[in-house]
Structure formats: C-alpha cells, structure tokens
C-alpha cells in the first residue's frame, strides 16, 4: 500500500502532537496538586494562629484569676487582738492585717471597745482604726522574738448622742476647738513574740504580748500651755495580746 506524502507527514507529526498533549495534560493536572498544597499550608498557618490566640487568651484569663484571688485573699484578716485599757475602752477586741517585708511589718487594725458607765447613765461602745509599724525584730532564744519598737497612730470614736464631730449651734462660735467624738492618737510600745513550731500549728502561727503608751491631740495641746500637767496626766497605758493566723 502506497502512502501519500500527506499521510507520511501526519505520521511524523503524531508523536510530537501526542507528547505535547500529554505534557499539557500533566501540567494541568499538576496545577490542582500545587493548589491543594498551598491550601493545606494556609490551613496549617490558620490552625497555628488559632492555637496561639487560645494560649494568649488562657494566659490573660489565668493572670486575671490570680489578681482576683490575691485581692480577696488580702481581705481575709491575718490577726486578732485583745486589749486592756489604752484610751479605746476598758476592754477592746478586733481584727487586723499585717503586711510588708519579714522584718519590717505594717499593721492595720479595726477594733471595738467597751466603756463602762462609771459616772454616766449608760455604758458606751468605741471604735478604733489603728495603723502600726514594726521596723525590726530581734531573735532571742528558740522561737522567741523581741520587737523593741512598735509605733503608729490611731483614730477612735465613742458612740453616743452627747458626742459630736461638729460643734452644736447652742455653743458660741469656736467655743470648742476640738471634736468630742473623734480623737487622734499616737503610740509607742514593745512586744514579745512566740513563733509556734510548724508541726504544732493548728489555727494560729504566733502569739505576741505587748504594751503601749499613747496620747491624743487634745492632751498634747492642753499640755503645752499648762505646765502643771505631768507626763502621767497625758499618757495612757495598755496591755494586749495578739494572735497571728498566718
């Protein structure tokens, strides 16, 4: 069988055409494969980004909870006091908070006292807000410690209709220079502290015995022009015991 020149030409060009078509199909098939790889990479990046966001949110939440717990834990009283005398009532008791460094302690106390009737018609209730500072402690023997200086100030008030913070109108203007319901006081004192061993602790961590000398604003102002007033006339002495919870 004889082939025309056109048939021979077609036979020669057919392999080249087939290869071109195959190559074109291979490239077209490779394109979706390349696109799928890119999409997977993007998905992985999104997943990593989401994981980082979740971790960041968890860290923010954890820090918020820690601040929340520290705030409420700070409101829990860390000590209680029982006191005899000291210009805040014959007997007084209250709770407080201590904070600061181990050897430099600040204390804040809220105390309520009982004042007997004596020469008045009824007994009275007092309230005191007290701020103290202990600059250092000295270790004695074993678990005993000595605090040679405790100092600070406190404000106390007596509840009753006969005490006022503003001068009543029945008195001449500036007849009284001080409020009769609120007294500002300063104090100094010393303490002996016993640290309870860790294995024996149940509810308290330490016990302190203390005494304090105090005076108030009215006594100090009265002592300046009145030289006949002695130191014992303007000072008040108290004794007390303090229990630390932690």
C-alpha atoms as a PDB file:
ATOM      1  CA  UNK A   1       0.000   0.000   0.000  1.00  0.00           C
ATOM      2  CA  UNK A   2       1.329   3.326  -1.011  1.00  0.00           C
ATOM      3  CA  UNK A   3       1.171   6.279   1.355  1.00  0.00           C
ATOM      4  CA  UNK A   4       0.751   9.753   0.157  1.00  0.00           C
ATOM      5  CA  UNK A   5       3.116  12.432   1.177  1.00  0.00           C
ATOM      6  CA  UNK A   6       0.411  13.910   3.441  1.00  0.00           C
ATOM      7  CA  UNK A   7      -0.026  10.619   5.295  1.00  0.00           C
ATOM      8  CA  UNK A   8       3.683  10.374   5.904  1.00  0.00           C
ATOM      9  CA  UNK A   9       3.743  13.911   7.262  1.00  0.00           C
ATOM     10  CA  UNK A  10       0.866  13.144   9.637  1.00  0.00           C
ATOM     11  CA  UNK A  11       2.613  10.032  10.902  1.00  0.00           C
ATOM     12  CA  UNK A  12       5.749  12.039  11.586  1.00  0.00           C
ATOM     13  CA  UNK A  13       3.922  14.803  13.473  1.00  0.00           C
ATOM     14  CA  UNK A  14       1.639  12.480  15.509  1.00  0.00           C
ATOM     15  CA  UNK A  15       4.201  11.551  18.233  1.00  0.00           C
ATOM     16  CA  UNK A  16       5.108  15.193  18.725  1.00  0.00           C
ATOM     17  CA  UNK A  17       1.454  16.174  18.998  1.00  0.00           C
ATOM     18  CA  UNK A  18       0.741  13.342  21.454  1.00  0.00           C
ATOM     19  CA  UNK A  19       3.697  14.349  23.623  1.00  0.00           C
ATOM     20  CA  UNK A  20       2.573  17.970  23.628  1.00  0.00           C
ATOM     21  CA  UNK A  21      -0.945  16.957  24.629  1.00  0.00           C
ATOM     22  CA  UNK A  22       0.382  14.689  27.374  1.00  0.00           C
ATOM     23  CA  UNK A  23       2.635  17.439  28.631  1.00  0.00           C
ATOM     24  CA  UNK A  24      -0.212  19.888  28.598  1.00  0.00           C
ATOM     25  CA  UNK A  25      -2.424  17.453  30.495  1.00  0.00           C
ATOM     26  CA  UNK A  26       0.343  16.796  33.016  1.00  0.00           C
ATOM     27  CA  UNK A  27       0.748  20.489  33.733  1.00  0.00           C
ATOM     28  CA  UNK A  28      -2.958  20.951  34.008  1.00  0.00           C
ATOM     29  CA  UNK A  29      -3.140  18.049  36.451  1.00  0.00           C
ATOM     30  CA  UNK A  30      -0.182  19.363  38.419  1.00  0.00           C
ATOM     31  CA  UNK A  31      -1.827  22.720  38.938  1.00  0.00           C
ATOM     32  CA  UNK A  32      -4.593  21.377  41.187  1.00  0.00           C
ATOM     33  CA  UNK A  33      -1.993  19.394  43.137  1.00  0.00           C
ATOM     34  CA  UNK A  34       0.045  22.566  43.710  1.00  0.00           C
ATOM     35  CA  UNK A  35      -3.109  24.439  44.685  1.00  0.00           C
ATOM     36  CA  UNK A  36      -4.054  21.780  47.250  1.00  0.00           C
ATOM     37  CA  UNK A  37      -0.593  22.009  48.848  1.00  0.00           C
ATOM     38  CA  UNK A  38      -0.903  25.772  49.205  1.00  0.00           C
ATOM     39  CA  UNK A  39      -4.369  25.478  50.752  1.00  0.00           C
ATOM     40  CA  UNK A  40      -3.079  22.924  53.259  1.00  0.00           C
ATOM     41  CA  UNK A  41      -0.232  25.243  54.230  1.00  0.00           C
ATOM     42  CA  UNK A  42      -2.676  28.109  54.708  1.00  0.00           C
ATOM     43  CA  UNK A  43      -4.898  25.881  56.839  1.00  0.00           C
ATOM     44  CA  UNK A  44      -1.917  24.868  58.957  1.00  0.00           C
ATOM     45  CA  UNK A  45      -0.948  28.519  59.440  1.00  0.00           C
ATOM     46  CA  UNK A  46      -4.511  29.375  60.453  1.00  0.00           C
ATOM     47  CA  UNK A  47      -4.513  26.465  62.909  1.00  0.00           C
ATOM     48  CA  UNK A  48      -1.221  27.609  64.462  1.00  0.00           C
ATOM     49  CA  UNK A  49      -2.539  31.161  64.680  1.00  0.00           C
ATOM     50  CA  UNK A  50      -5.723  29.950  66.383  1.00  0.00           C
ATOM     51  CA  UNK A  51      -3.654  27.899  68.833  1.00  0.00           C
ATOM     52  CA  UNK A  52      -1.530  30.939  69.695  1.00  0.00           C
ATOM     53  CA  UNK A  53      -4.685  33.002  70.212  1.00  0.00           C
ATOM     54  CA  UNK A  54      -6.137  30.374  72.537  1.00  0.00           C
ATOM     55  CA  UNK A  55      -2.903  30.233  74.552  1.00  0.00           C
ATOM     56  CA  UNK A  56      -2.840  34.025  74.813  1.00  0.00           C
ATOM     57  CA  UNK A  57      -6.446  34.130  75.997  1.00  0.00           C
ATOM     58  CA  UNK A  58      -5.736  31.385  78.535  1.00  0.00           C
ATOM     59  CA  UNK A  59      -2.745  33.330  79.889  1.00  0.00           C
ATOM     60  CA  UNK A  60      -4.795  36.529  80.194  1.00  0.00           C
ATOM     61  CA  UNK A  61      -7.537  34.611  81.979  1.00  0.00           C
ATOM     62  CA  UNK A  62      -5.032  32.954  84.348  1.00  0.00           C
ATOM     63  CA  UNK A  63      -3.492  36.308  85.306  1.00  0.00           C
ATOM     64  CA  UNK A  64      -6.949  37.795  85.859  1.00  0.00           C
ATOM     65  CA  UNK A  65      -7.883  34.932  88.179  1.00  0.00           C
ATOM     66  CA  UNK A  66      -4.607  35.336  90.078  1.00  0.00           C
ATOM     67  CA  UNK A  67      -5.291  39.042  90.617  1.00  0.00           C
ATOM     68  CA  UNK A  68      -8.837  38.218  91.680  1.00  0.00           C
ATOM     69  CA  UNK A  69      -7.638  35.627  94.198  1.00  0.00           C
ATOM     70  CA  UNK A  70      -4.940  37.933  95.579  1.00  0.00           C
ATOM     71  CA  UNK A  71      -7.498  40.699  96.084  1.00  0.00           C
ATOM     72  CA  UNK A  72      -9.966  38.532  98.013  1.00  0.00           C
ATOM     73  CA  UNK A  73      -7.214  36.755  99.907  1.00  0.00           C
ATOM     74  CA  UNK A  74      -5.914  40.161 101.015  1.00  0.00           C
ATOM     75  CA  UNK A  75      -9.283  40.940 102.610  1.00  0.00           C
ATOM     76  CA  UNK A  76      -9.062  37.950 104.942  1.00  0.00           C
ATOM     77  CA  UNK A  77      -7.901  39.123 108.415  1.00  0.00           C
ATOM     78  CA  UNK A  78      -4.496  37.764 109.357  1.00  0.00           C
ATOM     79  CA  UNK A  79      -4.570  38.612 113.081  1.00  0.00           C
ATOM     80  CA  UNK A  80      -6.802  39.379 116.063  1.00  0.00           C
ATOM     81  CA  UNK A  81      -6.100  41.464 119.163  1.00  0.00           C
ATOM     82  CA  UNK A  82      -7.442  41.621 122.691  1.00  0.00           C
ATOM     83  CA  UNK A  83      -6.535  44.753 124.648  1.00  0.00           C
ATOM     84  CA  UNK A  84      -6.986  46.160 128.118  1.00  0.00           C
ATOM     85  CA  UNK A  85      -7.291  49.976 128.515  1.00  0.00           C
ATOM     86  CA  UNK A  86      -5.383  52.346 126.217  1.00  0.00           C
ATOM     87  CA  UNK A  87      -7.942  55.152 125.618  1.00  0.00           C
ATOM     88  CA  UNK A  88     -10.146  52.954 123.418  1.00  0.00           C
ATOM     89  CA  UNK A  89     -12.241  51.323 126.140  1.00  0.00           C
ATOM     90  CA  UNK A  90     -11.732  49.261 129.238  1.00  0.00           C
ATOM     91  CA  UNK A  91     -11.706  46.121 127.079  1.00  0.00           C
ATOM     92  CA  UNK A  92     -11.418  46.031 123.305  1.00  0.00           C
ATOM     93  CA  UNK A  93     -11.035  43.442 120.596  1.00  0.00           C
ATOM     94  CA  UNK A  94     -10.614  43.492 116.881  1.00  0.00           C
ATOM     95  CA  UNK A  95      -9.165  42.019 113.747  1.00  0.00           C
ATOM     96  CA  UNK A  96      -6.420  43.236 111.506  1.00  0.00           C
ATOM     97  CA  UNK A  97      -3.991  42.691 108.681  1.00  0.00           C
ATOM     98  CA  UNK A  98      -0.202  42.632 108.655  1.00  0.00           C
ATOM     99  CA  UNK A  99       1.857  43.082 105.521  1.00  0.00           C
ATOM    100  CA  UNK A 100       5.265  44.203 104.322  1.00  0.00           C
ATOM    101  CA  UNK A 101       8.661  42.536 104.488  1.00  0.00           C
ATOM    102  CA  UNK A 102       9.532  39.861 107.014  1.00  0.00           C
ATOM    103  CA  UNK A 103      11.440  42.241 109.306  1.00  0.00           C
ATOM    104  CA  UNK A 104       9.541  45.435 108.526  1.00  0.00           C
ATOM    105  CA  UNK A 105       5.911  44.888 109.312  1.00  0.00           C
ATOM    106  CA  UNK A 106       2.932  47.179 108.826  1.00  0.00           C
ATOM    107  CA  UNK A 107      -0.329  46.505 110.627  1.00  0.00           C
ATOM    108  CA  UNK A 108      -3.860  47.789 110.179  1.00  0.00           C
ATOM    109  CA  UNK A 109      -6.474  47.015 112.849  1.00  0.00           C
ATOM    110  CA  UNK A 110     -10.175  47.596 113.287  1.00  0.00           C
ATOM    111  CA  UNK A 111     -11.136  47.336 116.956  1.00  0.00           C
ATOM    112  CA  UNK A 112     -14.285  47.767 119.060  1.00  0.00           C
ATOM    113  CA  UNK A 113     -14.176  48.583 122.747  1.00  0.00           C
ATOM    114  CA  UNK A 114     -16.446  48.609 125.772  1.00  0.00           C
ATOM    115  CA  UNK A 115     -16.535  51.617 128.082  1.00  0.00           C
ATOM    116  CA  UNK A 116     -18.435  51.086 131.383  1.00  0.00           C
ATOM    117  CA  UNK A 117     -20.936  53.659 132.575  1.00  0.00           C
ATOM    118  CA  UNK A 118     -18.847  54.878 135.529  1.00  0.00           C
ATOM    119  CA  UNK A 119     -20.420  58.270 136.361  1.00  0.00           C
ATOM    120  CA  UNK A 120     -22.616  58.401 133.224  1.00  0.00           C
ATOM    121  CA  UNK A 121     -26.038  56.895 132.696  1.00  0.00           C
ATOM    122  CA  UNK A 122     -25.082  54.178 130.206  1.00  0.00           C
ATOM    123  CA  UNK A 123     -22.038  52.286 129.021  1.00  0.00           C
ATOM    124  CA  UNK A 124     -20.510  53.181 125.660  1.00  0.00           C
ATOM    125  CA  UNK A 125     -19.189  51.444 122.571  1.00  0.00           C
ATOM    126  CA  UNK A 126     -15.996  52.661 120.912  1.00  0.00           C
ATOM    127  CA  UNK A 127     -14.472  52.031 117.501  1.00  0.00           C
ATOM    128  CA  UNK A 128     -10.807  52.385 116.598  1.00  0.00           C
ATOM    129  CA  UNK A 129      -8.856  52.329 113.345  1.00  0.00           C
ATOM    130  CA  UNK A 130      -5.189  51.715 114.062  1.00  0.00           C
ATOM    131  CA  UNK A 131      -2.086  51.784 111.888  1.00  0.00           C
ATOM    132  CA  UNK A 132       1.161  50.401 113.283  1.00  0.00           C
ATOM    133  CA  UNK A 133       4.739  49.845 112.183  1.00  0.00           C
ATOM    134  CA  UNK A 134       7.382  47.436 113.499  1.00  0.00           C
ATOM    135  CA  UNK A 135      10.782  48.315 111.964  1.00  0.00           C
ATOM    136  CA  UNK A 136      12.682  45.193 113.086  1.00  0.00           C
ATOM    137  CA  UNK A 137      12.708  42.080 115.258  1.00  0.00           C
ATOM    138  CA  UNK A 138      15.384  40.507 117.389  1.00  0.00           C
ATOM    139  CA  UNK A 139      15.555  36.724 117.734  1.00  0.00           C
ATOM    140  CA  UNK A 140      16.093  35.729 121.348  1.00  0.00           C
ATOM    141  CA  UNK A 141      16.097  32.025 122.176  1.00  0.00           C
ATOM    142  CA  UNK A 142      14.376  29.302 120.243  1.00  0.00           C
ATOM    143  CA  UNK A 143      11.105  30.568 118.830  1.00  0.00           C
ATOM    144  CA  UNK A 144      11.001  33.746 120.917  1.00  0.00           C
ATOM    145  CA  UNK A 145      11.435  37.148 119.298  1.00  0.00           C
ATOM    146  CA  UNK A 146      11.603  40.678 120.708  1.00  0.00           C
ATOM    147  CA  UNK A 147      10.201  43.721 118.947  1.00  0.00           C
ATOM    148  CA  UNK A 148      11.801  46.679 120.773  1.00  0.00           C
ATOM    149  CA  UNK A 149       9.773  49.272 118.905  1.00  0.00           C
ATOM    150  CA  UNK A 150       6.219  49.341 117.658  1.00  0.00           C
ATOM    151  CA  UNK A 151       4.780  52.720 116.808  1.00  0.00           C
ATOM    152  CA  UNK A 152       1.955  54.301 114.908  1.00  0.00           C
ATOM    153  CA  UNK A 153      -1.267  56.228 115.190  1.00  0.00           C
ATOM    154  CA  UNK A 154      -4.939  55.513 115.629  1.00  0.00           C
ATOM    155  CA  UNK A 155      -8.288  57.263 115.468  1.00  0.00           C
ATOM    156  CA  UNK A 156     -11.081  56.328 117.820  1.00  0.00           C
ATOM    157  CA  UNK A 157     -14.632  57.436 118.360  1.00  0.00           C
ATOM    158  CA  UNK A 158     -17.233  56.946 121.067  1.00  0.00           C
ATOM    159  CA  UNK A 159     -20.808  56.224 120.009  1.00  0.00           C
ATOM    160  CA  UNK A 160     -23.368  58.346 121.841  1.00  0.00           C
ATOM    161  CA  UNK A 161     -25.648  61.343 121.373  1.00  0.00           C
ATOM    162  CA  UNK A 162     -23.592  63.504 123.721  1.00  0.00           C
ATOM    163  CA  UNK A 163     -20.533  63.240 121.439  1.00  0.00           C
ATOM    164  CA  UNK A 164     -20.361  65.277 118.265  1.00  0.00           C
ATOM    165  CA  UNK A 165     -17.984  65.837 115.362  1.00  0.00           C
ATOM    166  CA  UNK A 166     -19.246  69.382 114.692  1.00  0.00           C
ATOM    167  CA  UNK A 167     -19.859  71.907 117.409  1.00  0.00           C
ATOM    168  CA  UNK A 168     -23.621  72.275 118.180  1.00  0.00           C
ATOM    169  CA  UNK A 169     -25.201  75.619 117.441  1.00  0.00           C
ATOM    170  CA  UNK A 170     -26.059  76.176 121.129  1.00  0.00           C
ATOM    171  CA  UNK A 171     -22.392  76.998 121.829  1.00  0.00           C
ATOM    172  CA  UNK A 172     -20.711  80.246 120.751  1.00  0.00           C
ATOM    173  CA  UNK A 173     -18.718  80.027 117.543  1.00  0.00           C
ATOM    174  CA  UNK A 174     -15.318  78.336 118.056  1.00  0.00           C
ATOM    175  CA  UNK A 175     -16.099  77.739 121.722  1.00  0.00           C
ATOM    176  CA  UNK A 176     -14.695  74.234 121.371  1.00  0.00           C
ATOM    177  CA  UNK A 177     -11.623  73.798 119.233  1.00  0.00           C
ATOM    178  CA  UNK A 178     -11.874  70.003 119.009  1.00  0.00           C
ATOM    179  CA  UNK A 179     -14.432  67.397 118.129  1.00  0.00           C
ATOM    180  CA  UNK A 180     -15.666  65.407 121.105  1.00  0.00           C
ATOM    181  CA  UNK A 181     -16.453  62.270 119.106  1.00  0.00           C
ATOM    182  CA  UNK A 182     -13.135  61.602 117.356  1.00  0.00           C
ATOM    183  CA  UNK A 183      -9.653  61.560 118.906  1.00  0.00           C
ATOM    184  CA  UNK A 184      -6.350  61.328 117.036  1.00  0.00           C
ATOM    185  CA  UNK A 185      -3.698  59.377 118.916  1.00  0.00           C
ATOM    186  CA  UNK A 186      -0.041  58.357 118.615  1.00  0.00           C
ATOM    187  CA  UNK A 187       1.580  55.416 120.394  1.00  0.00           C
ATOM    188  CA  UNK A 188       4.867  53.599 121.025  1.00  0.00           C
ATOM    189  CA  UNK A 189       5.396  50.215 122.632  1.00  0.00           C
ATOM    190  CA  UNK A 190       7.243  46.899 122.743  1.00  0.00           C
ATOM    191  CA  UNK A 191       6.363  43.262 122.110  1.00  0.00           C
ATOM    192  CA  UNK A 192       7.442  39.727 122.860  1.00  0.00           C
ATOM    193  CA  UNK A 193       6.518  37.253 120.140  1.00  0.00           C
ATOM    194  CA  UNK A 194       6.430  33.459 120.219  1.00  0.00           C
ATOM    195  CA  UNK A 195       6.559  31.661 116.870  1.00  0.00           C
ATOM    196  CA  UNK A 196       4.674  28.375 117.107  1.00  0.00           C
ATOM    197  CA  UNK A 197       6.617  25.463 115.547  1.00  0.00           C
ATOM    198  CA  UNK A 198       5.230  24.385 112.196  1.00  0.00           C
ATOM    199  CA  UNK A 199       4.382  20.841 113.319  1.00  0.00           C
ATOM    200  CA  UNK A 200       2.348  22.166 116.264  1.00  0.00           C
ATOM    201  CA  UNK A 201       0.299  24.776 114.448  1.00  0.00           C
ATOM    202  CA  UNK A 202      -3.445  24.328 114.297  1.00  0.00           C
ATOM    203  CA  UNK A 203      -5.173  27.690 113.886  1.00  0.00           C
ATOM    204  CA  UNK A 204      -2.543  30.309 114.748  1.00  0.00           C
ATOM    205  CA  UNK A 205       1.094  30.782 113.765  1.00  0.00           C
ATOM    206  CA  UNK A 206       2.324  33.101 116.551  1.00  0.00           C
ATOM    207  CA  UNK A 207       1.329  34.832 119.794  1.00  0.00           C
ATOM    208  CA  UNK A 208       2.512  38.291 120.850  1.00  0.00           C
ATOM    209  CA  UNK A 209       2.299  40.057 124.214  1.00  0.00           C
ATOM    210  CA  UNK A 210       2.588  43.833 124.092  1.00  0.00           C
ATOM    211  CA  UNK A 211       2.229  47.101 125.930  1.00  0.00           C
ATOM    212  CA  UNK A 212       1.790  50.592 124.508  1.00  0.00           C
ATOM    213  CA  UNK A 213       1.937  54.195 125.705  1.00  0.00           C
ATOM    214  CA  UNK A 214      -0.311  56.616 123.864  1.00  0.00           C
ATOM    215  CA  UNK A 215      -1.592  60.160 123.939  1.00  0.00           C
ATOM    216  CA  UNK A 216      -4.055  62.145 121.868  1.00  0.00           C
ATOM    217  CA  UNK A 217      -4.309  65.535 120.205  1.00  0.00           C
ATOM    218  CA  UNK A 218      -6.360  67.117 122.988  1.00  0.00           C
ATOM    219  CA  UNK A 219      -3.897  66.059 125.695  1.00  0.00           C
ATOM    220  CA  UNK A 220      -0.903  67.352 123.758  1.00  0.00           C
ATOM    221  CA  UNK A 221      -2.445  70.748 123.069  1.00  0.00           C
ATOM    222  CA  UNK A 222      -3.548  71.047 126.695  1.00  0.00           C
ATOM    223  CA  UNK A 223      -0.060  70.177 127.998  1.00  0.00           C
ATOM    224  CA  UNK A 224       1.718  72.966 126.100  1.00  0.00           C
ATOM    225  CA  UNK A 225       0.229  75.985 127.958  1.00  0.00           C
ATOM    226  CA  UNK A 226      -0.422  74.109 131.210  1.00  0.00           C
ATOM    227  CA  UNK A 227       2.926  73.317 132.780  1.00  0.00           C
ATOM    228  CA  UNK A 228       1.305  71.782 135.826  1.00  0.00           C
ATOM    229  CA  UNK A 229       0.219  68.781 133.761  1.00  0.00           C
ATOM    230  CA  UNK A 230       2.602  65.881 134.279  1.00  0.00           C
ATOM    231  CA  UNK A 231       3.596  63.192 131.810  1.00  0.00           C
ATOM    232  CA  UNK A 232       1.339  60.699 133.574  1.00  0.00           C
ATOM    233  CA  UNK A 233      -1.622  63.042 133.032  1.00  0.00           C
ATOM    234  CA  UNK A 234      -1.400  62.893 129.250  1.00  0.00           C
ATOM    235  CA  UNK A 235      -0.209  59.310 128.699  1.00  0.00           C
ATOM    236  CA  UNK A 236      -2.336  56.194 128.596  1.00  0.00           C
ATOM    237  CA  UNK A 237      -1.029  52.651 129.153  1.00  0.00           C
ATOM    238  CA  UNK A 238      -2.462  49.468 127.675  1.00  0.00           C
ATOM    239  CA  UNK A 239      -1.649  45.761 127.650  1.00  0.00           C
ATOM    240  CA  UNK A 240      -2.677  43.321 124.976  1.00  0.00           C
ATOM    241  CA  UNK A 241      -2.257  40.003 123.247  1.00  0.00           C
ATOM    242  CA  UNK A 242      -2.151  39.376 119.506  1.00  0.00           C
ATOM    243  CA  UNK A 243      -2.771  36.145 117.599  1.00  0.00           C
ATOM    244  CA  UNK A 244      -1.440  35.739 114.075  1.00  0.00           C
ATOM    245  CA  UNK A 245      -3.239  33.293 111.780  1.00  0.00           C
ATOM    246  CA  UNK A 246      -0.527  33.267 109.109  1.00  0.00           C
END
